[in-house]
mmCIF file of all heavy atoms, coordinates in Angstrom:
data_MODEL
# 
_entry.id   MODEL 
# 
loop_
_atom_site.group_PDB 
_atom_site.id 
_atom_site.type_symbol 
_atom_site.label_atom_id 
_atom_site.label_alt_id 
_atom_site.label_comp_id 
_atom_site.label_asym_id 
_atom_site.label_entity_id 
_atom_site.label_seq_id 
_atom_site.pdbx_PDB_ins_code 
_atom_site.Cartn_x 
_atom_site.Cartn_y 
_atom_site.Cartn_z 
_atom_site.occupancy 
_atom_site.B_iso_or_equiv 
_atom_site.pdbx_formal_charge 
_atom_site.auth_seq_id 
_atom_site.auth_comp_id 
_atom_site.auth_asym_id 
_atom_site.auth_atom_id 
_atom_site.pdbx_PDB_model_num 
ATOM 1   N N   . GLN A 1 1  ? -11.055 -2.291  3.093   1.00 0.00 ? 1  GLN A N   1 
ATOM 2   C CA  . GLN A 1 1  ? -9.614  -2.073  3.226   1.00 0.00 ? 1  GLN A CA  1 
ATOM 3   C C   . GLN A 1 1  ? -9.053  -1.374  1.997   1.00 0.00 ? 1  GLN A C   1 
ATOM 4   O O   . GLN A 1 1  ? -8.211  -0.476  2.102   1.00 0.00 ? 1  GLN A O   1 
ATOM 5   C CB  . GLN A 1 1  ? -8.909  -3.412  3.438   1.00 0.00 ? 1  GLN A CB  1 
ATOM 6   C CG  . GLN A 1 1  ? -9.212  -4.060  4.771   1.00 0.00 ? 1  GLN A CG  1 
ATOM 7   C CD  . GLN A 1 1  ? -8.540  -5.412  4.925   1.00 0.00 ? 1  GLN A CD  1 
ATOM 8   O OE1 . GLN A 1 1  ? -8.179  -6.062  3.935   1.00 0.00 ? 1  GLN A OE1 1 
ATOM 9   N NE2 . GLN A 1 1  ? -8.376  -5.848  6.156   1.00 0.00 ? 1  GLN A NE2 1 
ATOM 10  N N   . LEU A 1 2  ? -9.517  -1.785  0.828   1.00 0.00 ? 2  LEU A N   1 
ATOM 11  C CA  . LEU A 1 2  ? -9.037  -1.169  -0.404  1.00 0.00 ? 2  LEU A CA  1 
ATOM 12  C C   . LEU A 1 2  ? -9.381  0.316   -0.456  1.00 0.00 ? 2  LEU A C   1 
ATOM 13  O O   . LEU A 1 2  ? -8.568  1.139   -0.911  1.00 0.00 ? 2  LEU A O   1 
ATOM 14  C CB  . LEU A 1 2  ? -9.628  -1.881  -1.619  1.00 0.00 ? 2  LEU A CB  1 
ATOM 15  C CG  . LEU A 1 2  ? -9.141  -3.305  -1.883  1.00 0.00 ? 2  LEU A CG  1 
ATOM 16  C CD1 . LEU A 1 2  ? -9.969  -3.938  -2.997  1.00 0.00 ? 2  LEU A CD1 1 
ATOM 17  C CD2 . LEU A 1 2  ? -7.660  -3.318  -2.263  1.00 0.00 ? 2  LEU A CD2 1 
ATOM 18  N N   . GLU A 1 3  ? -10.564 0.679   0.003   1.00 0.00 ? 3  GLU A N   1 
ATOM 19  C CA  . GLU A 1 3  ? -10.969 2.086   -0.027  1.00 0.00 ? 3  GLU A CA  1 
ATOM 20  C C   . GLU A 1 3  ? -10.080 2.926   0.876   1.00 0.00 ? 3  GLU A C   1 
ATOM 21  O O   . GLU A 1 3  ? -9.752  4.071   0.557   1.00 0.00 ? 3  GLU A O   1 
ATOM 22  C CB  . GLU A 1 3  ? -12.434 2.227   0.383   1.00 0.00 ? 3  GLU A CB  1 
ATOM 23  C CG  . GLU A 1 3  ? -13.428 1.708   -0.659  1.00 0.00 ? 3  GLU A CG  1 
ATOM 24  C CD  . GLU A 1 3  ? -13.408 2.494   -1.959  1.00 0.00 ? 3  GLU A CD  1 
ATOM 25  O OE1 . GLU A 1 3  ? -12.835 3.603   -1.991  1.00 0.00 ? 3  GLU A OE1 1 
ATOM 26  O OE2 . GLU A 1 3  ? -13.965 1.990   -2.960  1.00 0.00 ? 3  GLU A OE2 1 
ATOM 27  N N   . GLU A 1 4  ? -9.661  2.374   1.995   1.00 0.00 ? 4  GLU A N   1 
ATOM 28  C CA  . GLU A 1 4  ? -8.748  3.093   2.881   1.00 0.00 ? 4  GLU A CA  1 
ATOM 29  C C   . GLU A 1 4  ? -7.405  3.328   2.200   1.00 0.00 ? 4  GLU A C   1 
ATOM 30  O O   . GLU A 1 4  ? -6.822  4.414   2.303   1.00 0.00 ? 4  GLU A O   1 
ATOM 31  C CB  . GLU A 1 4  ? -8.556  2.316   4.183   1.00 0.00 ? 4  GLU A CB  1 
ATOM 32  C CG  . GLU A 1 4  ? -9.799  2.261   5.060   1.00 0.00 ? 4  GLU A CG  1 
ATOM 33  C CD  . GLU A 1 4  ? -9.582  1.449   6.320   1.00 0.00 ? 4  GLU A CD  1 
ATOM 34  O OE1 . GLU A 1 4  ? -8.432  1.038   6.566   1.00 0.00 ? 4  GLU A OE1 1 
ATOM 35  O OE2 . GLU A 1 4  ? -10.552 1.217   7.062   1.00 0.00 ? 4  GLU A OE2 1 
ATOM 36  N N   . VAL A 1 5  ? -6.919  2.303   1.506   1.00 0.00 ? 5  VAL A N   1 
ATOM 37  C CA  . VAL A 1 5  ? -5.661  2.454   0.774   1.00 0.00 ? 5  VAL A CA  1 
ATOM 38  C C   . VAL A 1 5  ? -5.827  3.462   -0.358  1.00 0.00 ? 5  VAL A C   1 
ATOM 39  O O   . VAL A 1 5  ? -4.955  4.314   -0.594  1.00 0.00 ? 5  VAL A O   1 
ATOM 40  C CB  . VAL A 1 5  ? -5.183  1.093   0.219   1.00 0.00 ? 5  VAL A CB  1 
ATOM 41  C CG1 . VAL A 1 5  ? -3.930  1.257   -0.632  1.00 0.00 ? 5  VAL A CG1 1 
ATOM 42  C CG2 . VAL A 1 5  ? -4.927  0.116   1.371   1.00 0.00 ? 5  VAL A CG2 1 
ATOM 43  N N   . ALA A 1 6  ? -6.960  3.387   -1.053  1.00 0.00 ? 6  ALA A N   1 
ATOM 44  C CA  . ALA A 1 6  ? -7.223  4.313   -2.161  1.00 0.00 ? 6  ALA A CA  1 
ATOM 45  C C   . ALA A 1 6  ? -7.224  5.759   -1.685  1.00 0.00 ? 6  ALA A C   1 
ATOM 46  O O   . ALA A 1 6  ? -6.730  6.659   -2.383  1.00 0.00 ? 6  ALA A O   1 
ATOM 47  C CB  . ALA A 1 6  ? -8.547  3.972   -2.827  1.00 0.00 ? 6  ALA A CB  1 
ATOM 48  N N   . GLU A 1 7  ? -7.768  6.016   -0.494  1.00 0.00 ? 7  GLU A N   1 
ATOM 49  C CA  . GLU A 1 7  ? -7.766  7.372   0.047   1.00 0.00 ? 7  GLU A CA  1 
ATOM 50  C C   . GLU A 1 7  ? -6.343  7.879   0.240   1.00 0.00 ? 7  GLU A C   1 
ATOM 51  O O   . GLU A 1 7  ? -6.046  9.046   -0.043  1.00 0.00 ? 7  GLU A O   1 
ATOM 52  C CB  . GLU A 1 7  ? -8.527  7.402   1.372   1.00 0.00 ? 7  GLU A CB  1 
ATOM 53  C CG  . GLU A 1 7  ? -10.042 7.273   1.221   1.00 0.00 ? 7  GLU A CG  1 
ATOM 54  C CD  . GLU A 1 7  ? -10.756 7.352   2.556   1.00 0.00 ? 7  GLU A CD  1 
ATOM 55  O OE1 . GLU A 1 7  ? -10.099 7.732   3.560   1.00 0.00 ? 7  GLU A OE1 1 
ATOM 56  O OE2 . GLU A 1 7  ? -11.958 7.040   2.605   1.00 0.00 ? 7  GLU A OE2 1 
ATOM 57  N N   . ARG A 1 8  ? -5.470  7.016   0.707   1.00 0.00 ? 8  ARG A N   1 
ATOM 58  C CA  . ARG A 1 8  ? -4.069  7.417   0.911   1.00 0.00 ? 8  ARG A CA  1 
ATOM 59  C C   . ARG A 1 8  ? -3.356  7.626   -0.420  1.00 0.00 ? 8  ARG A C   1 
ATOM 60  O O   . ARG A 1 8  ? -2.508  8.504   -0.539  1.00 0.00 ? 8  ARG A O   1 
ATOM 61  C CB  . ARG A 1 8  ? -3.347  6.373   1.755   1.00 0.00 ? 8  ARG A CB  1 
ATOM 62  C CG  . ARG A 1 8  ? -3.900  6.265   3.177   1.00 0.00 ? 8  ARG A CG  1 
ATOM 63  C CD  . ARG A 1 8  ? -3.076  5.328   4.026   1.00 0.00 ? 8  ARG A CD  1 
ATOM 64  N NE  . ARG A 1 8  ? -1.698  5.799   4.166   1.00 0.00 ? 8  ARG A NE  1 
ATOM 65  C CZ  . ARG A 1 8  ? -0.750  5.119   4.808   1.00 0.00 ? 8  ARG A CZ  1 
ATOM 66  N NH1 . ARG A 1 8  ? -1.046  3.937   5.359   1.00 0.00 ? 8  ARG A NH1 1 
ATOM 67  N NH2 . ARG A 1 8  ? 0.473   5.584   4.890   1.00 0.00 ? 8  ARG A NH2 1 
ATOM 68  N N   . VAL A 1 9  ? -3.722  6.829   -1.422  1.00 0.00 ? 9  VAL A N   1 
ATOM 69  C CA  . VAL A 1 9  ? -3.163  7.028   -2.758  1.00 0.00 ? 9  VAL A CA  1 
ATOM 70  C C   . VAL A 1 9  ? -3.602  8.387   -3.306  1.00 0.00 ? 9  VAL A C   1 
ATOM 71  O O   . VAL A 1 9  ? -2.786  9.175   -3.798  1.00 0.00 ? 9  VAL A O   1 
ATOM 72  C CB  . VAL A 1 9  ? -3.602  5.900   -3.713  1.00 0.00 ? 9  VAL A CB  1 
ATOM 73  C CG1 . VAL A 1 9  ? -3.299  6.269   -5.171  1.00 0.00 ? 9  VAL A CG1 1 
ATOM 74  C CG2 . VAL A 1 9  ? -2.910  4.592   -3.339  1.00 0.00 ? 9  VAL A CG2 1 
ATOM 75  N N   . ARG A 1 10 ? -4.882  8.660   -3.204  1.00 0.00 ? 10 ARG A N   1 
ATOM 76  C CA  . ARG A 1 10 ? -5.412  9.920   -3.744  1.00 0.00 ? 10 ARG A CA  1 
ATOM 77  C C   . ARG A 1 10 ? -4.858  11.133  -3.007  1.00 0.00 ? 10 ARG A C   1 
ATOM 78  O O   . ARG A 1 10 ? -4.731  12.214  -3.583  1.00 0.00 ? 10 ARG A O   1 
ATOM 79  C CB  . ARG A 1 10 ? -6.934  9.877   -3.700  1.00 0.00 ? 10 ARG A CB  1 
ATOM 80  C CG  . ARG A 1 10 ? -7.525  8.856   -4.685  1.00 0.00 ? 10 ARG A CG  1 
ATOM 81  C CD  . ARG A 1 10 ? -8.980  8.567   -4.424  1.00 0.00 ? 10 ARG A CD  1 
ATOM 82  N NE  . ARG A 1 10 ? -9.456  7.486   -5.303  1.00 0.00 ? 10 ARG A NE  1 
ATOM 83  C CZ  . ARG A 1 10 ? -10.350 6.567   -4.951  1.00 0.00 ? 10 ARG A CZ  1 
ATOM 84  N NH1 . ARG A 1 10 ? -10.889 6.605   -3.732  1.00 0.00 ? 10 ARG A NH1 1 
ATOM 85  N NH2 . ARG A 1 10 ? -10.710 5.626   -5.798  1.00 0.00 ? 10 ARG A NH2 1 
ATOM 86  N N   . ALA A 1 11 ? -4.505  10.955  -1.749  1.00 0.00 ? 11 ALA A N   1 
ATOM 87  C CA  . ALA A 1 11 ? -3.922  12.051  -0.977  1.00 0.00 ? 11 ALA A CA  1 
ATOM 88  C C   . ALA A 1 11 ? -2.560  12.474  -1.527  1.00 0.00 ? 11 ALA A C   1 
ATOM 89  O O   . ALA A 1 11 ? -2.104  13.598  -1.282  1.00 0.00 ? 11 ALA A O   1 
ATOM 90  C CB  . ALA A 1 11 ? -3.784  11.649  0.492   1.00 0.00 ? 11 ALA A CB  1 
ATOM 91  N N   . THR A 1 12 ? -1.923  11.587  -2.304  1.00 0.00 ? 12 THR A N   1 
ATOM 92  C CA  . THR A 1 12 ? -0.643  11.930  -2.932  1.00 0.00 ? 12 THR A CA  1 
ATOM 93  C C   . THR A 1 12 ? -0.844  12.703  -4.235  1.00 0.00 ? 12 THR A C   1 
ATOM 94  O O   . THR A 1 12 ? 0.127   13.158  -4.840  1.00 0.00 ? 12 THR A O   1 
ATOM 95  C CB  . THR A 1 12 ? 0.180   10.669  -3.241  1.00 0.00 ? 12 THR A CB  1 
ATOM 96  O OG1 . THR A 1 12 ? -0.436  9.940   -4.330  1.00 0.00 ? 12 THR A OG1 1 
ATOM 97  C CG2 . THR A 1 12 ? 0.298   9.762   -2.030  1.00 0.00 ? 12 THR A CG2 1 
ATOM 98  N N   . GLY A 1 13 ? -2.098  12.785  -4.687  1.00 0.00 ? 13 GLY A N   1 
ATOM 99  C CA  . GLY A 1 13 ? -2.389  13.442  -5.954  1.00 0.00 ? 13 GLY A CA  1 
ATOM 100 C C   . GLY A 1 13 ? -2.489  12.492  -7.122  1.00 0.00 ? 13 GLY A C   1 
ATOM 101 O O   . GLY A 1 13 ? -2.715  12.917  -8.259  1.00 0.00 ? 13 GLY A O   1 
ATOM 102 N N   . ARG A 1 14 ? -2.372  11.187  -6.841  1.00 0.00 ? 14 ARG A N   1 
ATOM 103 C CA  . ARG A 1 14 ? -2.470  10.189  -7.904  1.00 0.00 ? 14 ARG A CA  1 
ATOM 104 C C   . ARG A 1 14 ? -3.854  9.537   -7.879  1.00 0.00 ? 14 ARG A C   1 
ATOM 105 O O   . ARG A 1 14 ? -4.610  9.662   -6.906  1.00 0.00 ? 14 ARG A O   1 
ATOM 106 C CB  . ARG A 1 14 ? -1.395  9.113   -7.768  1.00 0.00 ? 14 ARG A CB  1 
ATOM 107 C CG  . ARG A 1 14 ? 0.023   9.636   -7.741  1.00 0.00 ? 14 ARG A CG  1 
ATOM 108 C CD  . ARG A 1 14 ? 0.364   10.588  -8.883  1.00 0.00 ? 14 ARG A CD  1 
ATOM 109 N NE  . ARG A 1 14 ? 0.043   10.043  -10.192 1.00 0.00 ? 14 ARG A NE  1 
ATOM 110 C CZ  . ARG A 1 14 ? 0.350   10.646  -11.340 1.00 0.00 ? 14 ARG A CZ  1 
ATOM 111 N NH1 . ARG A 1 14 ? 0.966   11.835  -11.321 1.00 0.00 ? 14 ARG A NH1 1 
ATOM 112 N NH2 . ARG A 1 14 ? 0.035   10.106  -12.499 1.00 0.00 ? 14 ARG A NH2 1 
ATOM 113 N N   . ARG A 1 15 ? -4.183  8.811   -8.941  1.00 0.00 ? 15 ARG A N   1 
ATOM 114 C CA  . ARG A 1 15 ? -5.472  8.155   -9.067  1.00 0.00 ? 15 ARG A CA  1 
ATOM 115 C C   . ARG A 1 15 ? -5.392  6.702   -8.603  1.00 0.00 ? 15 ARG A C   1 
ATOM 116 O O   . ARG A 1 15 ? -4.348  6.060   -8.724  1.00 0.00 ? 15 ARG A O   1 
ATOM 117 C CB  . ARG A 1 15 ? -5.943  8.213   -10.521 1.00 0.00 ? 15 ARG A CB  1 
ATOM 118 C CG  . ARG A 1 15 ? -6.197  9.621   -11.034 1.00 0.00 ? 15 ARG A CG  1 
ATOM 119 C CD  . ARG A 1 15 ? -6.498  9.622   -12.526 1.00 0.00 ? 15 ARG A CD  1 
ATOM 120 N NE  . ARG A 1 15 ? -5.319  9.227   -13.312 1.00 0.00 ? 15 ARG A NE  1 
ATOM 121 C CZ  . ARG A 1 15 ? -5.335  9.052   -14.637 1.00 0.00 ? 15 ARG A CZ  1 
ATOM 122 N NH1 . ARG A 1 15 ? -6.475  9.199   -15.309 1.00 0.00 ? 15 ARG A NH1 1 
ATOM 123 N NH2 . ARG A 1 15 ? -4.231  8.718   -15.275 1.00 0.00 ? 15 ARG A NH2 1 
ATOM 124 N N   . ALA A 1 16 ? -6.523  6.217   -8.093  1.00 0.00 ? 16 ALA A N   1 
ATOM 125 C CA  . ALA A 1 16 ? -6.609  4.820   -7.649  1.00 0.00 ? 16 ALA A CA  1 
ATOM 126 C C   . ALA A 1 16 ? -7.883  4.198   -8.189  1.00 0.00 ? 16 ALA A C   1 
ATOM 127 O O   . ALA A 1 16 ? -8.951  4.814   -8.134  1.00 0.00 ? 16 ALA A O   1 
ATOM 128 C CB  . ALA A 1 16 ? -6.580  4.737   -6.132  1.00 0.00 ? 16 ALA A CB  1 
ATOM 129 N N   . LEU A 1 17 ? -7.765  2.990   -8.709  1.00 0.00 ? 17 LEU A N   1 
ATOM 130 C CA  . LEU A 1 17 ? -8.920  2.200   -9.119  1.00 0.00 ? 17 LEU A CA  1 
ATOM 131 C C   . LEU A 1 17 ? -9.019  0.999   -8.200  1.00 0.00 ? 17 LEU A C   1 
ATOM 132 O O   . LEU A 1 17 ? -8.081  0.197   -8.100  1.00 0.00 ? 17 LEU A O   1 
ATOM 133 C CB  . LEU A 1 17 ? -8.776  1.740   -10.570 1.00 0.00 ? 17 LEU A CB  1 
ATOM 134 C CG  . LEU A 1 17 ? -9.893  0.807   -11.087 1.00 0.00 ? 17 LEU A CG  1 
ATOM 135 C CD1 . LEU A 1 17 ? -11.232 1.538   -11.107 1.00 0.00 ? 17 LEU A CD1 1 
ATOM 136 C CD2 . LEU A 1 17 ? -9.548  0.275   -12.488 1.00 0.00 ? 17 LEU A CD2 1 
ATOM 137 N N   . VAL A 1 18 ? -10.148 0.881   -7.510  1.00 0.00 ? 18 VAL A N   1 
ATOM 138 C CA  . VAL A 1 18 ? -10.369 -0.202  -6.557  1.00 0.00 ? 18 VAL A CA  1 
ATOM 139 C C   . VAL A 1 18 ? -11.132 -1.333  -7.244  1.00 0.00 ? 18 VAL A C   1 
ATOM 140 O O   . VAL A 1 18 ? -12.207 -1.107  -7.813  1.00 0.00 ? 18 VAL A O   1 
ATOM 141 C CB  . VAL A 1 18 ? -11.164 0.318   -5.343  1.00 0.00 ? 18 VAL A CB  1 
ATOM 142 C CG1 . VAL A 1 18 ? -11.595 -0.837  -4.447  1.00 0.00 ? 18 VAL A CG1 1 
ATOM 143 C CG2 . VAL A 1 18 ? -10.327 1.315   -4.556  1.00 0.00 ? 18 VAL A CG2 1 
ATOM 144 N N   . VAL A 1 19 ? -10.573 -2.550  -7.188  1.00 0.00 ? 19 VAL A N   1 
ATOM 145 C CA  . VAL A 1 19 ? -11.214 -3.711  -7.802  1.00 0.00 ? 19 VAL A CA  1 
ATOM 146 C C   . VAL A 1 19 ? -11.255 -4.853  -6.777  1.00 0.00 ? 19 VAL A C   1 
ATOM 147 O O   . VAL A 1 19 ? -10.316 -5.658  -6.695  1.00 0.00 ? 19 VAL A O   1 
ATOM 148 C CB  . VAL A 1 19 ? -10.478 -4.178  -9.069  1.00 0.00 ? 19 VAL A CB  1 
ATOM 149 C CG1 . VAL A 1 19 ? -11.255 -5.318  -9.734  1.00 0.00 ? 19 VAL A CG1 1 
ATOM 150 C CG2 . VAL A 1 19 ? -10.267 -3.033  -10.047 1.00 0.00 ? 19 VAL A CG2 1 
ATOM 151 N N   . PRO A 1 20 ? -12.321 -4.940  -5.992  1.00 0.00 ? 20 PRO A N   1 
ATOM 152 C CA  . PRO A 1 20 ? -12.446 -6.083  -5.069  1.00 0.00 ? 20 PRO A CA  1 
ATOM 153 C C   . PRO A 1 20 ? -12.586 -7.377  -5.878  1.00 0.00 ? 20 PRO A C   1 
ATOM 154 O O   . PRO A 1 20 ? -13.345 -7.423  -6.848  1.00 0.00 ? 20 PRO A O   1 
ATOM 155 C CB  . PRO A 1 20 ? -13.723 -5.770  -4.289  1.00 0.00 ? 20 PRO A CB  1 
ATOM 156 C CG  . PRO A 1 20 ? -13.966 -4.307  -4.504  1.00 0.00 ? 20 PRO A CG  1 
ATOM 157 C CD  . PRO A 1 20 ? -13.449 -4.013  -5.877  1.00 0.00 ? 20 PRO A CD  1 
ATOM 158 N N   . ALA A 1 21 ? -11.856 -8.401  -5.488  1.00 0.00 ? 21 ALA A N   1 
ATOM 159 C CA  . ALA A 1 21 ? -11.908 -9.665  -6.248  1.00 0.00 ? 21 ALA A CA  1 
ATOM 160 C C   . ALA A 1 21 ? -11.311 -10.793 -5.430  1.00 0.00 ? 21 ALA A C   1 
ATOM 161 O O   . ALA A 1 21 ? -10.492 -10.569 -4.532  1.00 0.00 ? 21 ALA A O   1 
ATOM 162 C CB  . ALA A 1 21 ? -11.144 -9.523  -7.569  1.00 0.00 ? 21 ALA A CB  1 
ATOM 163 N N   . ASP A 1 22 ? -11.738 -11.994 -5.754  1.00 0.00 ? 22 ASP A N   1 
ATOM 164 C CA  . ASP A 1 22 ? -11.123 -13.201 -5.218  1.00 0.00 ? 22 ASP A CA  1 
ATOM 165 C C   . ASP A 1 22 ? -9.924  -13.507 -6.099  1.00 0.00 ? 22 ASP A C   1 
ATOM 166 O O   . ASP A 1 22 ? -10.066 -14.028 -7.214  1.00 0.00 ? 22 ASP A O   1 
ATOM 167 C CB  . ASP A 1 22 ? -12.126 -14.356 -5.239  1.00 0.00 ? 22 ASP A CB  1 
ATOM 168 C CG  . ASP A 1 22 ? -11.508 -15.672 -4.774  1.00 0.00 ? 22 ASP A CG  1 
ATOM 169 O OD1 . ASP A 1 22 ? -10.313 -15.680 -4.402  1.00 0.00 ? 22 ASP A OD1 1 
ATOM 170 O OD2 . ASP A 1 22 ? -12.220 -16.700 -4.797  1.00 0.00 ? 22 ASP A OD2 1 
ATOM 171 N N   . LEU A 1 23 ? -8.736  -13.190 -5.615  1.00 0.00 ? 23 LEU A N   1 
ATOM 172 C CA  . LEU A 1 23 ? -7.547  -13.286 -6.453  1.00 0.00 ? 23 LEU A CA  1 
ATOM 173 C C   . LEU A 1 23 ? -6.996  -14.707 -6.566  1.00 0.00 ? 23 LEU A C   1 
ATOM 174 O O   . LEU A 1 23 ? -5.979  -14.916 -7.218  1.00 0.00 ? 23 LEU A O   1 
ATOM 175 C CB  . LEU A 1 23 ? -6.469  -12.329 -5.944  1.00 0.00 ? 23 LEU A CB  1 
ATOM 176 C CG  . LEU A 1 23 ? -6.880  -10.850 -5.984  1.00 0.00 ? 23 LEU A CG  1 
ATOM 177 C CD1 . LEU A 1 23 ? -5.745  -9.966  -5.476  1.00 0.00 ? 23 LEU A CD1 1 
ATOM 178 C CD2 . LEU A 1 23 ? -7.278  -10.438 -7.400  1.00 0.00 ? 23 LEU A CD2 1 
ATOM 179 N N   . SER A 1 24 ? -7.682  -15.666 -5.952  1.00 0.00 ? 24 SER A N   1 
ATOM 180 C CA  . SER A 1 24 ? -7.330  -17.061 -6.232  1.00 0.00 ? 24 SER A CA  1 
ATOM 181 C C   . SER A 1 24 ? -7.954  -17.525 -7.542  1.00 0.00 ? 24 SER A C   1 
ATOM 182 O O   . SER A 1 24 ? -7.600  -18.564 -8.086  1.00 0.00 ? 24 SER A O   1 
ATOM 183 C CB  . SER A 1 24 ? -7.786  -17.978 -5.091  1.00 0.00 ? 24 SER A CB  1 
ATOM 184 O OG  . SER A 1 24 ? -9.208  -17.985 -4.994  1.00 0.00 ? 24 SER A OG  1 
ATOM 185 N N   . ASP A 1 25 ? -8.867  -16.716 -8.068  1.00 0.00 ? 25 ASP A N   1 
ATOM 186 C CA  . ASP A 1 25 ? -9.514  -16.964 -9.360  1.00 0.00 ? 25 ASP A CA  1 
ATOM 187 C C   . ASP A 1 25 ? -8.632  -16.359 -10.446 1.00 0.00 ? 25 ASP A C   1 
ATOM 188 O O   . ASP A 1 25 ? -8.490  -15.145 -10.535 1.00 0.00 ? 25 ASP A O   1 
ATOM 189 C CB  . ASP A 1 25 ? -10.901 -16.314 -9.359  1.00 0.00 ? 25 ASP A CB  1 
ATOM 190 C CG  . ASP A 1 25 ? -11.672 -16.535 -10.658 1.00 0.00 ? 25 ASP A CG  1 
ATOM 191 O OD1 . ASP A 1 25 ? -11.046 -16.855 -11.695 1.00 0.00 ? 25 ASP A OD1 1 
ATOM 192 O OD2 . ASP A 1 25 ? -12.897 -16.354 -10.652 1.00 0.00 ? 25 ASP A OD2 1 
# 
């Protein structure tokens, strides 16, 4: 899911860093 969002971010000309994580930690 994050990679799909990152593709849309990059399509705007901006950079995206994807960090999969358990955010309850």
